[in-house]
């Protein structure tokens, strides 16, 4: 094979490798939602019943907060960062809409776990998320690795493009968010593209009936 032929084929090989990488990433992020295609329940999110991974993080006032503090409440939980170009902001707004339409503030809590403690301070997070309502709480930990481990336990793995604080880097993350029941179990898992407020509130109403029937 001539040198010119080899050089001509190299870009094609590189492109194929790039496409393969994208396909692998799409499959990886989609795996948790494959069971949703098979579930019999008429629900919007992926139905489940597994204990939510525990956490112990600081709120905007530096107070230590744990998952157990919200026992008895219905809890929506997301992982986000303030420099996110789209998904995280859309989910924060979605949480506000859910809170408004569900009309059950005393039973409903919204949690934002910061993925980017290097750039997102407690004050910034509070001004962005906590001000949306008394039942909105942002949590963080200075140790990003511990947050990555927690996100992994929730099957919401993320990774930074760069480690330098002064760079305008992005964080690759699937954008999953979760509805945790009053018993501390993850009852619904939502993909980043699932943003139908009415259907999410419908899931919440169904859960209320389920828990009332169990009591």
N, C-alpha and C. Protein backbone atom coordinates (compact mmCIF):
# COMPACT_ATOMS: atom_id res chain seq x y z
N UNK A 1 0.85 -1.19 0.00
CA UNK A 1 0.00 0.00 0.00
C UNK A 1 0.89 1.24 0.00
N UNK A 2 0.57 2.20 -0.86
CA UNK A 2 1.39 3.39 -0.97
C UNK A 2 1.19 4.29 0.23
N UNK A 3 2.13 5.20 0.45
CA UNK A 3 2.06 6.13 1.57
C UNK A 3 0.86 7.04 1.42
N UNK A 4 0.57 7.47 0.19
CA UNK A 4 -0.56 8.36 -0.05
C UNK A 4 -1.89 7.69 0.29
N UNK A 5 -1.98 6.39 -0.02
CA UNK A 5 -3.20 5.65 0.31
C UNK A 5 -3.38 5.54 1.81
N UNK A 6 -2.28 5.27 2.53
CA UNK A 6 -2.33 5.17 3.99
C UNK A 6 -2.79 6.48 4.62
N UNK A 7 -2.23 7.58 4.13
CA UNK A 7 -2.59 8.88 4.67
C UNK A 7 -4.05 9.21 4.40
N UNK A 8 -4.53 8.77 3.23
CA UNK A 8 -5.92 9.05 2.87
C UNK A 8 -6.88 8.29 3.76
N UNK A 9 -6.46 7.12 4.27
CA UNK A 9 -7.34 6.30 5.08
C UNK A 9 -7.34 6.71 6.55
N UNK A 10 -6.32 7.43 7.00
CA UNK A 10 -6.21 7.78 8.42
C UNK A 10 -7.37 8.62 8.94
N UNK A 11 -7.82 9.67 8.22
CA UNK A 11 -8.94 10.44 8.73
C UNK A 11 -10.20 9.61 8.88
N UNK A 12 -10.41 8.66 7.92
CA UNK A 12 -11.58 7.80 7.97
C UNK A 12 -11.57 6.94 9.23
N UNK A 13 -10.40 6.39 9.57
CA UNK A 13 -10.27 5.57 10.77
C UNK A 13 -10.54 6.40 12.01
N UNK A 14 -10.01 7.64 12.02
CA UNK A 14 -10.23 8.52 13.15
C UNK A 14 -11.69 8.86 13.33
N UNK A 15 -12.38 9.10 12.22
CA UNK A 15 -13.80 9.43 12.29
C UNK A 15 -14.60 8.25 12.80
N UNK A 16 -14.26 7.05 12.33
CA UNK A 16 -14.96 5.85 12.80
C UNK A 16 -14.76 5.66 14.30
N UNK A 17 -13.56 5.92 14.79
CA UNK A 17 -13.28 5.80 16.21
C UNK A 17 -14.09 6.79 17.02
N UNK A 18 -14.23 8.00 16.49
CA UNK A 18 -15.01 9.03 17.18
C UNK A 18 -16.47 8.64 17.25
N UNK A 19 -17.03 8.14 16.14
CA UNK A 19 -18.43 7.71 16.11
C UNK A 19 -18.65 6.56 17.08
N UNK A 20 -17.70 5.63 17.13
CA UNK A 20 -17.80 4.50 18.05
C UNK A 20 -17.82 4.96 19.50
N UNK A 21 -16.98 5.96 19.81
CA UNK A 21 -16.93 6.49 21.17
C UNK A 21 -18.26 7.12 21.55
N UNK A 22 -18.85 7.88 20.64
CA UNK A 22 -20.14 8.52 20.89
C UNK A 22 -21.22 7.48 21.13
N UNK A 23 -21.22 6.41 20.32
CA UNK A 23 -22.21 5.35 20.48
C UNK A 23 -22.07 4.66 21.82
N UNK A 24 -20.83 4.41 22.24
CA UNK A 24 -20.60 3.77 23.54
C UNK A 24 -21.12 4.65 24.67
N UNK A 25 -20.88 5.96 24.58
CA UNK A 25 -21.35 6.89 25.61
C UNK A 25 -22.88 6.93 25.66
N UNK A 26 -23.51 6.92 24.49
CA UNK A 26 -24.97 6.94 24.45
C UNK A 26 -25.56 5.68 25.07
N UNK A 27 -24.96 4.55 24.77
CA UNK A 27 -25.44 3.28 25.33
C UNK A 27 -25.25 3.28 26.85
N UNK A 28 -24.08 3.77 27.31
CA UNK A 28 -23.77 3.78 28.74
C UNK A 28 -24.78 4.62 29.51
N UNK A 29 -25.08 5.83 29.00
CA UNK A 29 -26.01 6.71 29.70
C UNK A 29 -27.46 6.22 29.58
N UNK A 30 -27.75 5.39 28.59
CA UNK A 30 -29.12 4.91 28.38
C UNK A 30 -29.43 3.64 29.15
N UNK A 31 -28.40 2.92 29.61
CA UNK A 31 -28.60 1.63 30.25
C UNK A 31 -29.63 1.66 31.39
N UNK A 32 -29.58 2.65 32.29
CA UNK A 32 -30.54 2.63 33.40
C UNK A 32 -31.99 2.72 32.96
N UNK A 33 -32.23 3.19 31.71
CA UNK A 33 -33.60 3.42 31.28
C UNK A 33 -34.13 2.35 30.34
N UNK A 34 -33.32 1.37 30.02
CA UNK A 34 -33.79 0.27 29.19
C UNK A 34 -34.95 -0.48 29.86
N UNK A 35 -34.89 -0.72 31.20
CA UNK A 35 -36.03 -1.40 31.85
C UNK A 35 -37.35 -0.64 31.72
N UNK A 36 -37.29 0.68 31.50
CA UNK A 36 -38.51 1.47 31.38
C UNK A 36 -39.33 1.02 30.17
N UNK A 37 -38.67 0.48 29.16
CA UNK A 37 -39.36 -0.01 27.98
C UNK A 37 -40.15 -1.28 28.27
N UNK A 38 -39.78 -1.96 29.35
CA UNK A 38 -40.39 -3.24 29.67
C UNK A 38 -41.36 -3.17 30.84
N UNK A 39 -41.38 -2.05 31.58
CA UNK A 39 -42.21 -1.99 32.78
C UNK A 39 -43.69 -1.89 32.42
N UNK A 40 -44.50 -2.51 33.24
CA UNK A 40 -45.94 -2.55 33.00
C UNK A 40 -46.65 -1.34 33.57
N UNK A 41 -46.06 -0.71 34.57
CA UNK A 41 -46.71 0.40 35.24
C UNK A 41 -46.87 1.59 34.30
N UNK A 42 -48.00 2.28 34.43
CA UNK A 42 -48.26 3.45 33.61
C UNK A 42 -47.65 4.67 34.31
N UNK A 43 -46.35 4.78 34.21
CA UNK A 43 -45.63 5.88 34.87
C UNK A 43 -44.74 6.57 33.84
N UNK A 44 -44.34 7.78 34.18
CA UNK A 44 -43.49 8.56 33.28
C UNK A 44 -42.02 8.24 33.48
N UNK A 45 -41.57 8.29 34.72
CA UNK A 45 -40.17 7.97 35.00
C UNK A 45 -39.97 6.47 35.11
N UNK A 46 -38.72 6.09 35.28
CA UNK A 46 -38.39 4.68 35.47
C UNK A 46 -38.73 4.28 36.90
N UNK A 47 -39.69 3.39 37.05
CA UNK A 47 -40.11 2.97 38.38
C UNK A 47 -39.04 2.10 39.03
N UNK A 48 -38.89 2.24 40.35
CA UNK A 48 -37.90 1.46 41.07
C UNK A 48 -38.23 1.42 42.55
N UNK A 49 -37.45 0.68 43.26
CA UNK A 49 -37.63 0.58 44.71
C UNK A 49 -36.32 0.12 45.34
N UNK A 50 -35.32 1.00 45.31
CA UNK A 50 -34.05 0.68 45.93
C UNK A 50 -33.68 1.80 46.91
N UNK A 51 -33.04 1.46 48.00
CA UNK A 51 -32.65 2.50 48.97
C UNK A 51 -31.77 3.57 48.31
N UNK A 52 -32.12 4.81 48.55
CA UNK A 52 -31.31 5.90 48.01
C UNK A 52 -29.97 5.95 48.74
N UNK A 53 -28.87 6.09 48.02
CA UNK A 53 -27.56 6.19 48.68
C UNK A 53 -27.53 7.34 49.68
N UNK A 54 -26.98 7.07 50.85
CA UNK A 54 -26.93 8.07 51.91
C UNK A 54 -25.90 9.16 51.59
N UNK A 55 -26.13 10.34 52.13
CA UNK A 55 -25.15 11.42 51.98
C UNK A 55 -25.10 12.24 53.26
N UNK A 56 -23.99 12.93 53.44
CA UNK A 56 -23.79 13.84 54.55
C UNK A 56 -23.04 15.05 54.00
N UNK A 57 -23.76 16.14 53.71
CA UNK A 57 -23.21 17.29 53.02
C UNK A 57 -23.58 18.58 53.76
N UNK A 58 -22.98 19.67 53.33
CA UNK A 58 -23.21 20.96 53.99
C UNK A 58 -24.17 21.82 53.18
N UNK A 59 -25.09 22.50 53.88
CA UNK A 59 -25.96 23.44 53.19
C UNK A 59 -25.31 24.82 53.14
N UNK A 60 -26.05 25.82 52.70
CA UNK A 60 -25.48 27.16 52.52
C UNK A 60 -25.00 27.77 53.82
N UNK A 61 -25.56 27.36 54.95
CA UNK A 61 -25.16 27.87 56.26
C UNK A 61 -24.07 27.03 56.91
N UNK A 62 -23.60 26.03 56.21
CA UNK A 62 -22.56 25.16 56.75
C UNK A 62 -23.09 24.06 57.64
N UNK A 63 -24.40 23.94 57.71
CA UNK A 63 -25.01 22.90 58.54
C UNK A 63 -24.91 21.55 57.85
N UNK A 64 -24.60 20.52 58.61
CA UNK A 64 -24.51 19.17 58.07
C UNK A 64 -25.91 18.63 57.83
N UNK A 65 -26.13 18.16 56.61
CA UNK A 65 -27.44 17.65 56.21
C UNK A 65 -27.29 16.22 55.71
N UNK A 66 -28.18 15.34 56.12
CA UNK A 66 -28.16 13.95 55.68
C UNK A 66 -29.48 13.60 55.01
N UNK A 67 -29.49 12.52 54.27
CA UNK A 67 -30.71 12.06 53.63
C UNK A 67 -31.78 11.73 54.67
N UNK A 68 -31.35 11.22 55.81
CA UNK A 68 -32.28 10.84 56.87
C UNK A 68 -33.08 12.04 57.38
N UNK A 69 -32.54 13.25 57.22
CA UNK A 69 -33.24 14.45 57.67
C UNK A 69 -34.56 14.66 56.91
N UNK A 70 -34.67 14.04 55.75
CA UNK A 70 -35.86 14.23 54.92
C UNK A 70 -36.79 13.02 54.95
N UNK A 71 -36.58 12.14 55.89
CA UNK A 71 -37.45 10.98 56.02
C UNK A 71 -38.89 11.44 56.24
N UNK A 72 -39.81 10.85 55.51
CA UNK A 72 -41.21 11.24 55.61
C UNK A 72 -41.64 12.22 54.54
N UNK A 73 -40.68 12.73 53.75
CA UNK A 73 -40.99 13.67 52.68
C UNK A 73 -40.75 13.03 51.31
N UNK A 74 -41.34 13.63 50.30
CA UNK A 74 -41.08 13.25 48.92
C UNK A 74 -39.98 14.18 48.42
N UNK A 75 -38.91 13.59 47.93
CA UNK A 75 -37.69 14.35 47.67
C UNK A 75 -37.25 14.22 46.22
N UNK A 76 -37.15 15.35 45.52
CA UNK A 76 -36.55 15.38 44.19
C UNK A 76 -35.09 15.77 44.34
N UNK A 77 -34.21 15.01 43.73
CA UNK A 77 -32.77 15.22 43.90
C UNK A 77 -32.09 15.28 42.53
N UNK A 78 -31.21 16.25 42.36
CA UNK A 78 -30.44 16.40 41.12
C UNK A 78 -28.98 16.70 41.45
N UNK A 79 -28.08 16.41 40.51
CA UNK A 79 -26.69 16.81 40.58
C UNK A 79 -26.49 17.90 39.52
N UNK A 80 -25.89 19.03 39.92
CA UNK A 80 -25.75 20.12 38.96
C UNK A 80 -24.51 20.96 39.21
N UNK A 81 -24.27 21.88 38.28
CA UNK A 81 -23.19 22.86 38.44
C UNK A 81 -23.59 24.13 37.72
N UNK A 82 -23.19 25.27 38.27
CA UNK A 82 -23.69 26.56 37.82
C UNK A 82 -23.21 26.94 36.42
N UNK A 83 -22.07 26.39 35.97
CA UNK A 83 -21.57 26.70 34.64
C UNK A 83 -22.15 25.78 33.57
N UNK A 84 -23.08 24.94 33.95
CA UNK A 84 -23.73 24.03 33.00
C UNK A 84 -24.44 24.87 31.93
N UNK A 85 -24.26 24.57 30.66
CA UNK A 85 -24.87 25.40 29.61
C UNK A 85 -26.37 25.22 29.44
N UNK A 86 -26.96 24.13 29.91
CA UNK A 86 -28.39 23.94 29.66
C UNK A 86 -29.10 23.03 30.66
N UNK A 87 -28.72 21.77 30.74
CA UNK A 87 -29.51 20.76 31.46
C UNK A 87 -29.78 21.13 32.92
N UNK A 88 -28.75 21.52 33.64
CA UNK A 88 -28.91 21.80 35.08
C UNK A 88 -29.89 22.95 35.33
N UNK A 89 -29.80 23.98 34.51
CA UNK A 89 -30.70 25.13 34.67
C UNK A 89 -32.14 24.74 34.33
N UNK A 90 -32.30 23.93 33.30
CA UNK A 90 -33.64 23.47 32.92
C UNK A 90 -34.26 22.64 34.04
N UNK A 91 -33.45 21.83 34.72
CA UNK A 91 -33.97 21.00 35.80
C UNK A 91 -34.33 21.83 37.02
N UNK A 92 -33.55 22.85 37.32
CA UNK A 92 -33.88 23.72 38.46
C UNK A 92 -35.22 24.42 38.22
N UNK A 93 -35.45 24.87 37.00
CA UNK A 93 -36.72 25.50 36.65
C UNK A 93 -37.85 24.48 36.70
N UNK A 94 -37.56 23.26 36.22
CA UNK A 94 -38.55 22.19 36.26
C UNK A 94 -38.97 21.89 37.69
N UNK A 95 -38.02 21.89 38.61
CA UNK A 95 -38.33 21.65 40.02
C UNK A 95 -39.30 22.71 40.55
N UNK A 96 -39.09 23.95 40.14
CA UNK A 96 -39.99 25.01 40.57
C UNK A 96 -41.41 24.77 40.05
N UNK A 97 -41.49 24.33 38.79
CA UNK A 97 -42.80 24.08 38.20
C UNK A 97 -43.50 22.91 38.91
N UNK A 98 -42.73 21.87 39.23
CA UNK A 98 -43.29 20.74 39.96
C UNK A 98 -43.83 21.20 41.31
N UNK A 99 -43.05 22.01 42.00
CA UNK A 99 -43.44 22.50 43.32
C UNK A 99 -44.74 23.28 43.24
N UNK A 100 -44.89 24.08 42.19
CA UNK A 100 -46.09 24.91 42.02
C UNK A 100 -47.32 24.05 41.72
N UNK A 101 -47.18 23.12 40.80
CA UNK A 101 -48.33 22.34 40.35
C UNK A 101 -48.69 21.21 41.31
N UNK A 102 -47.70 20.70 42.04
CA UNK A 102 -47.99 19.62 42.98
C UNK A 102 -48.74 20.13 44.20
N UNK A 103 -48.47 21.37 44.60
CA UNK A 103 -49.18 22.01 45.71
C UNK A 103 -49.15 21.15 46.97
N UNK A 104 -47.97 20.72 47.34
CA UNK A 104 -47.80 19.91 48.57
C UNK A 104 -46.48 20.25 49.22
N UNK A 105 -46.24 21.54 49.41
CA UNK A 105 -44.95 22.04 49.87
C UNK A 105 -44.49 21.42 51.19
N UNK A 106 -45.41 21.18 52.10
CA UNK A 106 -45.02 20.64 53.41
C UNK A 106 -44.50 19.21 53.31
N UNK A 107 -44.81 18.54 52.21
CA UNK A 107 -44.37 17.17 52.03
C UNK A 107 -43.29 17.01 50.97
N UNK A 108 -42.98 18.10 50.28
CA UNK A 108 -42.10 18.03 49.12
C UNK A 108 -40.81 18.80 49.36
N UNK A 109 -39.69 18.20 48.97
CA UNK A 109 -38.37 18.82 49.15
C UNK A 109 -37.57 18.66 47.86
N UNK A 110 -36.76 19.68 47.56
CA UNK A 110 -35.92 19.66 46.36
C UNK A 110 -34.46 19.86 46.77
N UNK A 111 -33.60 18.97 46.29
CA UNK A 111 -32.19 19.01 46.65
C UNK A 111 -31.33 19.14 45.40
N UNK A 112 -30.37 20.06 45.47
CA UNK A 112 -29.39 20.27 44.41
C UNK A 112 -28.01 19.95 44.99
N UNK A 113 -27.38 18.89 44.50
CA UNK A 113 -26.04 18.53 44.97
C UNK A 113 -25.01 19.05 43.98
N UNK A 114 -24.12 19.90 44.46
CA UNK A 114 -23.15 20.58 43.59
C UNK A 114 -22.04 19.64 43.13
N UNK A 115 -21.82 19.58 41.83
CA UNK A 115 -20.77 18.75 41.25
C UNK A 115 -19.45 19.51 41.11
N UNK A 116 -19.49 20.83 41.27
CA UNK A 116 -18.32 21.65 40.95
C UNK A 116 -17.96 22.57 42.12
N UNK A 117 -17.55 22.01 43.26
CA UNK A 117 -17.27 22.85 44.44
C UNK A 117 -16.10 23.81 44.23
N UNK A 118 -15.24 23.53 43.25
CA UNK A 118 -14.11 24.42 42.99
C UNK A 118 -14.57 25.79 42.51
N UNK A 119 -15.69 25.83 41.79
CA UNK A 119 -16.16 27.11 41.24
C UNK A 119 -17.47 27.58 41.88
N UNK A 120 -18.26 26.66 42.42
CA UNK A 120 -19.58 27.02 42.94
C UNK A 120 -19.55 27.11 44.46
N UNK A 121 -19.57 28.33 44.96
CA UNK A 121 -19.53 28.53 46.41
C UNK A 121 -20.91 28.30 47.01
N UNK A 122 -20.95 28.17 48.33
CA UNK A 122 -22.22 27.98 49.03
C UNK A 122 -23.13 29.18 48.81
N UNK A 123 -22.56 30.38 48.84
CA UNK A 123 -23.37 31.58 48.65
C UNK A 123 -23.96 31.65 47.25
N UNK A 124 -23.16 31.28 46.25
CA UNK A 124 -23.65 31.29 44.87
C UNK A 124 -24.78 30.28 44.68
N UNK A 125 -24.60 29.10 45.25
CA UNK A 125 -25.62 28.06 45.14
C UNK A 125 -26.91 28.46 45.82
N UNK A 126 -26.78 29.09 46.98
CA UNK A 126 -27.97 29.54 47.72
C UNK A 126 -28.73 30.60 46.93
N UNK A 127 -27.99 31.53 46.34
CA UNK A 127 -28.62 32.59 45.56
C UNK A 127 -29.29 32.03 44.30
N UNK A 128 -28.73 30.96 43.79
CA UNK A 128 -29.27 30.37 42.56
C UNK A 128 -30.43 29.41 42.83
N UNK A 129 -30.27 28.53 43.82
CA UNK A 129 -31.24 27.45 44.02
C UNK A 129 -32.12 27.64 45.25
N UNK A 130 -31.52 27.93 46.39
CA UNK A 130 -32.28 27.99 47.64
C UNK A 130 -33.35 29.07 47.63
N UNK A 131 -33.10 30.15 46.89
CA UNK A 131 -34.06 31.25 46.89
C UNK A 131 -35.35 30.91 46.15
N UNK A 132 -35.39 29.75 45.51
CA UNK A 132 -36.60 29.36 44.77
C UNK A 132 -37.75 28.95 45.69
N UNK A 133 -37.43 28.66 46.95
CA UNK A 133 -38.48 28.30 47.89
C UNK A 133 -37.89 27.77 49.18
N UNK A 134 -38.70 27.76 50.23
CA UNK A 134 -38.23 27.27 51.53
C UNK A 134 -37.88 25.80 51.49
N UNK A 135 -38.42 25.07 50.52
CA UNK A 135 -38.16 23.63 50.41
C UNK A 135 -37.14 23.32 49.32
N UNK A 136 -36.32 24.31 48.97
CA UNK A 136 -35.22 24.13 48.02
C UNK A 136 -33.90 24.27 48.78
N UNK A 137 -33.05 23.27 48.68
CA UNK A 137 -31.79 23.27 49.42
C UNK A 137 -30.64 22.79 48.55
N UNK A 138 -29.59 23.59 48.48
CA UNK A 138 -28.38 23.19 47.77
C UNK A 138 -27.37 22.64 48.77
N UNK A 139 -26.67 21.59 48.38
CA UNK A 139 -25.70 20.94 49.24
C UNK A 139 -24.38 20.78 48.51
N UNK A 140 -23.28 20.82 49.28
CA UNK A 140 -21.98 20.70 48.64
C UNK A 140 -20.97 20.09 49.61
N UNK A 141 -19.83 19.74 49.02
CA UNK A 141 -18.67 19.25 49.77
C UNK A 141 -17.44 19.73 49.03
N UNK A 142 -16.45 20.23 49.75
CA UNK A 142 -15.24 20.72 49.10
C UNK A 142 -14.48 19.63 48.35
N UNK A 143 -14.68 18.40 48.75
CA UNK A 143 -13.99 17.27 48.13
C UNK A 143 -14.80 16.76 46.94
N UNK A 144 -14.36 17.12 45.73
CA UNK A 144 -15.09 16.72 44.53
C UNK A 144 -15.13 15.21 44.36
N UNK A 145 -14.07 14.53 44.80
CA UNK A 145 -14.02 13.07 44.63
C UNK A 145 -15.14 12.38 45.43
N UNK A 146 -15.46 12.92 46.59
CA UNK A 146 -16.53 12.32 47.38
C UNK A 146 -17.89 12.53 46.70
N UNK A 147 -18.05 13.67 46.02
CA UNK A 147 -19.28 13.93 45.28
C UNK A 147 -19.36 13.00 44.08
N UNK A 148 -18.23 12.78 43.42
CA UNK A 148 -18.22 11.84 42.29
C UNK A 148 -18.61 10.44 42.75
N UNK A 149 -18.12 10.04 43.91
CA UNK A 149 -18.46 8.73 44.45
C UNK A 149 -19.95 8.65 44.76
N UNK A 150 -20.50 9.71 45.31
CA UNK A 150 -21.93 9.74 45.63
C UNK A 150 -22.76 9.67 44.34
N UNK A 151 -22.36 10.46 43.34
CA UNK A 151 -23.07 10.44 42.06
C UNK A 151 -23.00 9.05 41.44
N UNK A 152 -21.86 8.39 41.57
CA UNK A 152 -21.73 7.03 41.06
C UNK A 152 -22.68 6.08 41.75
N UNK A 153 -22.87 6.26 43.05
CA UNK A 153 -23.79 5.41 43.80
C UNK A 153 -25.23 5.60 43.31
N UNK A 154 -25.53 6.82 42.84
CA UNK A 154 -26.85 7.10 42.27
C UNK A 154 -26.94 6.75 40.79
N UNK A 155 -25.82 6.26 40.24
CA UNK A 155 -25.70 5.94 38.81
C UNK A 155 -25.83 7.19 37.96
N UNK A 156 -25.23 8.26 38.44
CA UNK A 156 -25.21 9.55 37.73
C UNK A 156 -23.77 10.02 37.61
N UNK A 157 -22.91 9.15 37.11
CA UNK A 157 -21.48 9.42 37.04
C UNK A 157 -21.19 10.71 36.26
N UNK A 158 -20.19 11.46 36.73
CA UNK A 158 -19.78 12.67 36.01
C UNK A 158 -18.27 12.80 36.04
N UNK A 159 -17.75 13.58 35.10
CA UNK A 159 -16.30 13.79 35.01
C UNK A 159 -16.04 15.17 34.43
N UNK A 160 -15.05 15.87 34.99
CA UNK A 160 -14.67 17.19 34.50
C UNK A 160 -13.75 17.07 33.30
N UNK A 161 -13.84 18.04 32.41
CA UNK A 161 -12.95 18.08 31.26
C UNK A 161 -11.56 18.56 31.65
N UNK A 162 -11.48 19.31 32.75
CA UNK A 162 -10.19 19.85 33.19
C UNK A 162 -10.22 19.98 34.70
N UNK A 163 -9.03 20.03 35.29
CA UNK A 163 -8.93 20.14 36.74
C UNK A 163 -8.65 21.56 37.20
N UNK A 164 -8.18 22.40 36.30
CA UNK A 164 -7.80 23.76 36.67
C UNK A 164 -9.03 24.59 37.02
N UNK A 165 -8.95 25.29 38.14
CA UNK A 165 -10.09 26.08 38.63
C UNK A 165 -10.38 27.26 37.71
N UNK A 166 -9.34 27.86 37.12
CA UNK A 166 -9.52 29.09 36.35
C UNK A 166 -9.90 28.83 34.90
N UNK A 167 -10.13 27.60 34.51
CA UNK A 167 -10.52 27.29 33.14
C UNK A 167 -12.04 27.18 33.05
N UNK A 168 -12.55 27.55 31.88
CA UNK A 168 -13.99 27.49 31.65
C UNK A 168 -14.34 26.10 31.14
N UNK A 169 -14.18 25.11 32.01
CA UNK A 169 -14.40 23.72 31.60
C UNK A 169 -15.85 23.30 31.82
N UNK A 170 -16.23 22.25 31.12
CA UNK A 170 -17.55 21.65 31.26
C UNK A 170 -17.44 20.35 32.04
N UNK A 171 -18.55 19.88 32.55
CA UNK A 171 -18.59 18.61 33.25
C UNK A 171 -19.53 17.68 32.49
N UNK A 172 -19.01 16.55 32.09
CA UNK A 172 -19.82 15.57 31.38
C UNK A 172 -20.66 14.79 32.39
N UNK A 173 -21.97 14.83 32.24
CA UNK A 173 -22.85 14.13 33.17
C UNK A 173 -24.14 13.78 32.45
N UNK A 174 -24.82 12.70 32.89
CA UNK A 174 -26.02 12.25 32.18
C UNK A 174 -27.25 13.11 32.44
N UNK A 175 -27.27 13.84 33.55
CA UNK A 175 -28.42 14.69 33.83
C UNK A 175 -29.61 13.97 34.43
N UNK A 176 -29.39 12.79 35.01
CA UNK A 176 -30.49 12.08 35.66
C UNK A 176 -30.93 12.84 36.92
N UNK A 177 -32.22 12.76 37.24
CA UNK A 177 -32.69 13.26 38.52
C UNK A 177 -33.67 12.25 39.10
N UNK A 178 -33.93 12.34 40.40
CA UNK A 178 -34.55 11.25 41.13
C UNK A 178 -35.70 11.73 42.01
N UNK A 179 -36.70 10.86 42.15
CA UNK A 179 -37.78 11.09 43.10
C UNK A 179 -37.67 10.02 44.18
N UNK A 180 -37.37 10.47 45.40
CA UNK A 180 -37.18 9.57 46.54
C UNK A 180 -38.43 9.63 47.42
N UNK A 181 -38.94 8.47 47.79
CA UNK A 181 -40.15 8.40 48.59
C UNK A 181 -39.88 8.68 50.05
N UNK A 182 -40.94 8.80 50.86
CA UNK A 182 -40.79 9.10 52.29
C UNK A 182 -40.09 8.00 53.07
N UNK A 183 -39.95 6.81 52.46
CA UNK A 183 -39.23 5.72 53.12
C UNK A 183 -37.74 5.71 52.76
N UNK A 184 -37.30 6.73 51.98
CA UNK A 184 -35.89 6.82 51.62
C UNK A 184 -35.50 5.95 50.44
N UNK A 185 -36.47 5.46 49.68
CA UNK A 185 -36.19 4.64 48.51
C UNK A 185 -36.38 5.44 47.23
N UNK A 186 -35.53 5.19 46.24
CA UNK A 186 -35.68 5.83 44.94
C UNK A 186 -36.86 5.17 44.24
N UNK A 187 -37.91 5.95 43.99
CA UNK A 187 -39.12 5.42 43.38
C UNK A 187 -39.23 5.74 41.89
N UNK A 188 -38.61 6.83 41.48
CA UNK A 188 -38.60 7.17 40.06
C UNK A 188 -37.23 7.74 39.70
N UNK A 189 -36.75 7.35 38.53
CA UNK A 189 -35.53 7.93 37.96
C UNK A 189 -35.89 8.54 36.62
N UNK A 190 -35.46 9.77 36.39
CA UNK A 190 -35.80 10.48 35.17
C UNK A 190 -34.55 10.80 34.36
N UNK A 191 -34.67 10.71 33.05
CA UNK A 191 -33.60 11.11 32.15
C UNK A 191 -33.63 12.62 31.98
N UNK A 192 -32.53 13.17 31.50
CA UNK A 192 -32.44 14.62 31.32
C UNK A 192 -33.51 15.15 30.37
N UNK A 193 -33.93 14.32 29.43
CA UNK A 193 -34.91 14.74 28.43
C UNK A 193 -36.35 14.66 28.93
N UNK A 194 -36.56 14.07 30.09
CA UNK A 194 -37.92 13.94 30.62
C UNK A 194 -38.28 15.19 31.43
N UNK A 195 -39.04 16.09 30.79
CA UNK A 195 -39.31 17.39 31.41
C UNK A 195 -40.80 17.75 31.38
N UNK A 196 -41.66 16.75 31.26
CA UNK A 196 -43.10 17.00 31.27
C UNK A 196 -43.59 17.16 32.70
N UNK A 197 -43.83 18.39 33.10
CA UNK A 197 -44.25 18.67 34.46
C UNK A 197 -45.53 17.91 34.83
N UNK A 198 -46.49 17.89 33.93
CA UNK A 198 -47.77 17.24 34.23
C UNK A 198 -47.60 15.74 34.48
N UNK A 199 -46.72 15.09 33.71
CA UNK A 199 -46.52 13.66 33.88
C UNK A 199 -45.72 13.35 35.14
N UNK A 200 -44.79 14.22 35.48
CA UNK A 200 -44.01 14.03 36.72
C UNK A 200 -44.92 14.20 37.93
N UNK A 201 -45.79 15.22 37.88
CA UNK A 201 -46.75 15.42 38.97
C UNK A 201 -47.71 14.23 39.04
N UNK A 202 -48.02 13.63 37.88
CA UNK A 202 -48.83 12.42 37.85
C UNK A 202 -48.13 11.27 38.55
N UNK A 203 -46.83 11.12 38.32
CA UNK A 203 -46.05 10.11 39.04
C UNK A 203 -46.11 10.34 40.54
N UNK A 204 -45.99 11.60 40.92
CA UNK A 204 -46.01 11.95 42.34
C UNK A 204 -47.37 11.62 42.96
N UNK A 205 -48.44 11.92 42.24
CA UNK A 205 -49.78 11.62 42.74
C UNK A 205 -49.98 10.11 42.90
N UNK A 206 -49.43 9.34 41.96
CA UNK A 206 -49.54 7.89 42.05
C UNK A 206 -48.79 7.36 43.26
N UNK A 207 -47.62 7.94 43.51
CA UNK A 207 -46.85 7.52 44.68
C UNK A 207 -47.59 7.84 45.98
N UNK A 208 -48.23 9.00 46.03
CA UNK A 208 -49.00 9.36 47.22
C UNK A 208 -50.07 8.30 47.50
N UNK A 209 -50.74 7.86 46.46
CA UNK A 209 -51.77 6.83 46.61
C UNK A 209 -51.15 5.51 47.08
N UNK A 210 -49.99 5.18 46.48
CA UNK A 210 -49.34 3.92 46.85
C UNK A 210 -48.95 3.91 48.33
N UNK A 211 -48.37 5.01 48.78
CA UNK A 211 -47.93 5.07 50.18
C UNK A 211 -49.12 5.12 51.14
N UNK A 212 -50.18 5.81 50.74
CA UNK A 212 -51.38 5.86 51.58
C UNK A 212 -52.03 4.49 51.68
N UNK A 213 -51.93 3.72 50.59
CA UNK A 213 -52.49 2.38 50.61
C UNK A 213 -51.69 1.43 51.49
N UNK A 214 -50.38 1.71 51.62
CA UNK A 214 -49.52 0.86 52.45
C UNK A 214 -49.68 1.16 53.93
N UNK A 215 -50.12 2.38 54.25
CA UNK A 215 -50.21 2.78 55.67
C UNK A 215 -51.48 2.29 56.33
